[in-house]
Protein backbone atom coordinates (compact mmCIF):
# COMPACT_ATOMS: atom_id res chain seq x y z
CA MET A 1 135.00 77.36 68.95
CA PRO A 2 132.45 78.73 71.27
CA GLU A 3 130.86 76.33 73.51
CA VAL A 4 127.22 75.07 72.59
CA LEU A 5 124.61 74.91 75.38
CA SER A 6 122.00 72.61 75.80
CA PHE A 7 118.18 73.37 76.70
CA PRO A 8 117.30 75.56 78.66
CA TRP A 9 120.51 77.64 78.70
CA ASN A 10 120.75 78.16 74.88
CA THR A 11 117.32 79.32 74.76
CA PHE A 12 118.34 81.46 77.78
CA GLN A 13 121.34 82.57 75.69
CA ARG A 14 119.07 83.92 72.92
CA LEU A 15 116.61 85.39 75.19
CA GLN A 16 119.29 87.24 77.04
CA THR A 17 120.96 88.54 73.70
CA SER A 18 117.50 89.52 72.47
CA THR A 19 117.21 92.15 75.51
CA ASN A 20 120.48 94.07 74.06
CA SER A 21 118.87 97.55 73.55
CA ASP A 22 120.71 100.99 72.88
CA VAL A 23 117.19 102.45 73.92
CA VAL A 24 115.96 102.69 77.27
CA ASN A 25 112.50 102.75 77.31
CA ALA A 26 109.31 100.58 78.79
CA ARG A 27 109.93 97.82 76.56
CA ALA A 28 113.75 97.32 77.29
CA TYR A 29 113.00 97.31 81.24
CA GLY A 30 110.02 94.65 80.14
CA ARG A 31 112.58 92.66 78.43
CA ASP A 32 114.86 92.87 81.54
CA GLU A 33 112.83 91.98 83.87
CA ALA A 34 110.86 88.99 82.06
CA LEU A 35 114.66 87.68 81.30
CA THR A 36 115.26 87.97 85.46
CA VAL A 37 112.10 86.28 86.10
CA ILE A 38 112.49 83.39 83.90
CA MET A 39 116.33 83.06 85.38
CA ASP A 40 114.72 82.98 88.96
CA GLU A 41 112.50 80.38 87.77
CA LEU A 42 115.42 78.24 86.35
CA ALA A 43 117.39 78.50 89.30
CA ALA A 44 114.48 77.48 91.17
CA GLY A 45 114.18 74.16 89.09
CA LYS A 46 110.98 75.39 87.24
CA VAL A 47 112.49 74.27 83.53
CA PRO A 48 110.07 74.90 80.79
CA PRO A 49 109.08 71.35 78.85
CA ASP A 50 110.49 73.00 75.55
CA GLU A 51 112.05 76.01 73.98
CA GLU A 52 108.66 77.44 72.42
CA THR A 53 107.17 77.37 76.10
CA MET A 54 110.14 79.29 77.31
CA GLU A 55 110.18 81.66 74.42
CA ARG A 56 106.11 82.19 74.94
CA ARG A 57 106.31 82.99 78.84
CA PHE A 58 109.40 85.38 77.90
CA ARG A 59 107.06 87.37 75.33
CA THR A 60 104.27 87.24 77.49
CA LEU A 61 106.55 88.57 80.65
CA SER A 62 108.10 91.09 78.50
CA ALA A 63 104.52 92.54 77.63
CA ASN A 64 103.07 92.49 80.80
CA ARG A 65 106.18 94.10 82.43
CA ALA A 66 106.32 96.82 79.74
CA VAL A 67 102.30 97.75 80.15
CA LYS A 68 103.78 97.94 83.99
CA TYR A 69 106.41 100.74 82.88
CA ARG A 70 104.47 102.34 80.80
CA THR A 71 101.66 102.66 83.24
CA ARG A 72 104.27 104.16 85.80
CA ARG A 73 105.77 106.65 83.63
CA GLN A 74 102.32 107.82 82.89
CA LEU A 75 101.32 108.00 86.18
CA GLU A 76 104.62 109.68 87.12
CA ILE A 77 103.65 112.54 84.24
CA GLU A 78 100.06 112.76 85.66
CA ALA A 79 101.44 113.50 89.31
CA THR A 80 103.78 115.74 88.30
CA ASP A 81 101.16 117.75 86.45
CA HIS A 82 98.99 117.62 89.39
CA TYR A 83 101.22 118.47 92.03
CA ARG A 84 102.55 121.17 90.22
CA VAL A 85 101.62 124.24 92.31
CA GLU A 86 103.09 127.41 92.97
CA PRO A 87 105.02 127.31 96.65
CA VAL A 88 103.05 128.05 99.23
CA MET A 89 103.74 129.29 103.18
CA GLN A 90 104.19 126.40 105.01
CA ASP A 91 102.06 126.93 108.63
CA LEU A 92 104.23 125.60 111.40
CA SER A 93 101.51 123.91 112.85
CA ASP A 94 101.01 121.62 110.04
CA GLU A 95 104.95 121.05 109.95
CA LEU A 96 104.66 120.06 113.78
CA ALA A 97 101.44 117.89 112.94
CA VAL A 98 103.06 115.91 110.31
CA GLN A 99 106.13 115.15 112.23
CA GLU A 100 104.23 113.86 115.24
CA LEU A 101 102.01 111.62 112.94
CA VAL A 102 105.16 110.19 111.54
CA GLU A 103 106.94 109.55 114.82
CA LEU A 104 103.49 108.16 116.35
CA ALA A 105 103.09 105.88 113.61
CA SER A 106 106.92 104.89 113.66
CA SER A 107 106.67 104.26 117.28
CA GLN A 108 104.10 101.25 116.55
CA ILE A 109 106.35 98.84 114.96
CA ALA A 110 110.19 98.10 115.28
CA PRO A 111 112.91 100.51 113.38
CA ASP A 112 113.51 98.25 110.64
CA ASP A 113 110.08 97.49 109.94
CA TRP A 114 109.66 100.96 109.77
CA GLN A 115 112.16 101.53 107.05
CA LEU A 116 110.95 98.72 105.20
CA LEU A 117 107.38 100.62 104.94
CA GLN A 118 109.48 103.90 104.00
CA ASP A 119 111.41 101.96 101.30
CA ILE A 120 108.61 100.81 99.44
CA GLY A 121 106.47 104.05 100.42
CA ASN A 122 109.18 105.78 98.38
CA GLY A 123 109.08 103.51 95.54
CA GLU A 124 111.88 100.88 96.03
CA SER A 125 111.27 97.57 94.55
CA TYR A 126 110.38 94.41 96.27
CA VAL A 127 113.32 92.53 94.42
CA GLU A 128 115.88 95.07 95.41
CA LEU A 129 114.78 95.22 98.93
CA ALA A 130 114.82 91.57 99.23
CA LEU A 131 118.06 91.31 97.68
CA ASN A 132 119.36 93.85 100.68
CA ARG A 133 117.73 92.21 103.64
CA ARG A 134 118.45 88.43 101.96
CA LYS A 135 114.76 87.53 102.22
CA LYS A 136 112.45 86.34 99.14
CA ALA A 137 110.44 89.30 97.72
CA GLY A 138 107.19 86.87 98.52
CA THR A 139 108.24 87.37 101.80
CA LEU A 140 109.08 90.58 102.18
CA LYS A 141 105.57 91.74 100.45
CA SER A 142 103.63 89.36 102.86
CA THR A 143 105.36 91.37 105.86
CA VAL A 144 104.65 94.62 104.34
CA SER A 145 101.15 93.75 104.00
CA ARG A 146 101.08 92.68 107.52
CA LEU A 147 102.73 95.71 108.52
CA ARG A 148 100.08 97.89 106.67
CA CYS A 149 97.64 96.38 108.04
CA HIS A 150 98.41 96.35 111.60
CA MET A 151 99.16 100.19 111.13
CA ARG A 152 95.89 100.69 109.42
CA LYS A 153 94.01 98.50 112.36
CA SER A 154 95.87 100.53 115.01
CA GLU A 155 94.50 103.65 116.90
CA ILE A 156 97.21 105.88 114.95
CA GLY A 157 96.54 104.35 111.80
CA ARG A 158 92.74 105.65 111.98
CA VAL A 159 93.86 109.29 112.91
CA ILE A 160 96.40 109.36 110.15
CA LEU A 161 93.77 108.39 107.61
CA GLU A 162 91.60 111.08 109.02
CA ALA A 163 94.32 113.55 108.69
CA LEU A 164 94.88 112.48 105.11
CA GLN A 165 91.24 112.74 104.26
CA LEU A 166 90.98 116.02 105.81
CA SER A 167 93.86 117.43 104.24
CA SER A 168 93.18 116.59 100.81
CA GLY A 169 90.82 119.40 100.57
CA ASP A 170 93.27 121.46 99.62
CA LEU A 171 95.60 120.78 97.48
CA ARG A 172 98.29 123.19 97.70
CA LYS A 173 98.61 122.50 101.17
CA TRP A 174 98.88 118.92 100.83
CA ALA A 175 101.29 118.93 98.08
CA SER A 176 103.60 120.93 100.82
CA LEU A 177 102.99 118.32 103.35
CA ARG A 178 104.24 115.55 100.80
CA HIS A 179 107.38 116.90 100.23
CA ARG A 180 108.73 117.07 103.85
CA ARG A 181 112.26 115.58 105.12
CA THR A 182 110.34 112.59 106.70
CA PRO A 183 108.55 111.07 103.67
CA LEU A 184 104.98 111.94 104.05
CA ARG A 185 105.12 111.70 100.55
CA ALA A 186 104.56 108.43 101.98
CA ILE A 187 102.22 108.39 105.11
CA ASP A 188 99.76 107.42 102.65
CA GLN A 189 102.11 105.60 100.40
CA ILE A 190 103.57 103.54 103.50
CA LEU A 191 99.87 102.76 104.91
CA TYR A 192 97.65 102.54 102.45
CA SER A 193 98.88 101.67 99.22
CA GLU A 194 99.12 98.35 97.77
């Protein structure tokens, strides 16, 4: 006979069962992420007063996270369409300039911090990076924010911003710059996105 769990674990078990899905879509991702948030809250001692409150929190989180994943997917589709250009000849001077900007930017902070900015710029999640680094996601977010602020206010940050603004005039050239070995898909993602 299966063990009967008490609140909040019986409700959590029911919610966990509801996340089982044969289809992987924004709604499924949203439910999984909502369940993770609730588990983190329970682990932190933030137990809701009753089952109804816990289920309402789950539904709200699921809906919000599903919207986030649908929005991300739509942005990916738009970006793919926007940067779909025919191959262009790469100018060696552009390649060298990009590499120099990356090296200058990376020299402004510790190598571990630079790797963190690159990982975030490449789209890795704060939660995953926090687990790998054995830190809290909130701490990691504030660290990234502080590093980006430091980089933007530095002299090299202003030079990079100016270079990015100048290069955005020729989208084909910019598209070729964004697919470099060193993710300058990402100098703008690393330093200027939130």
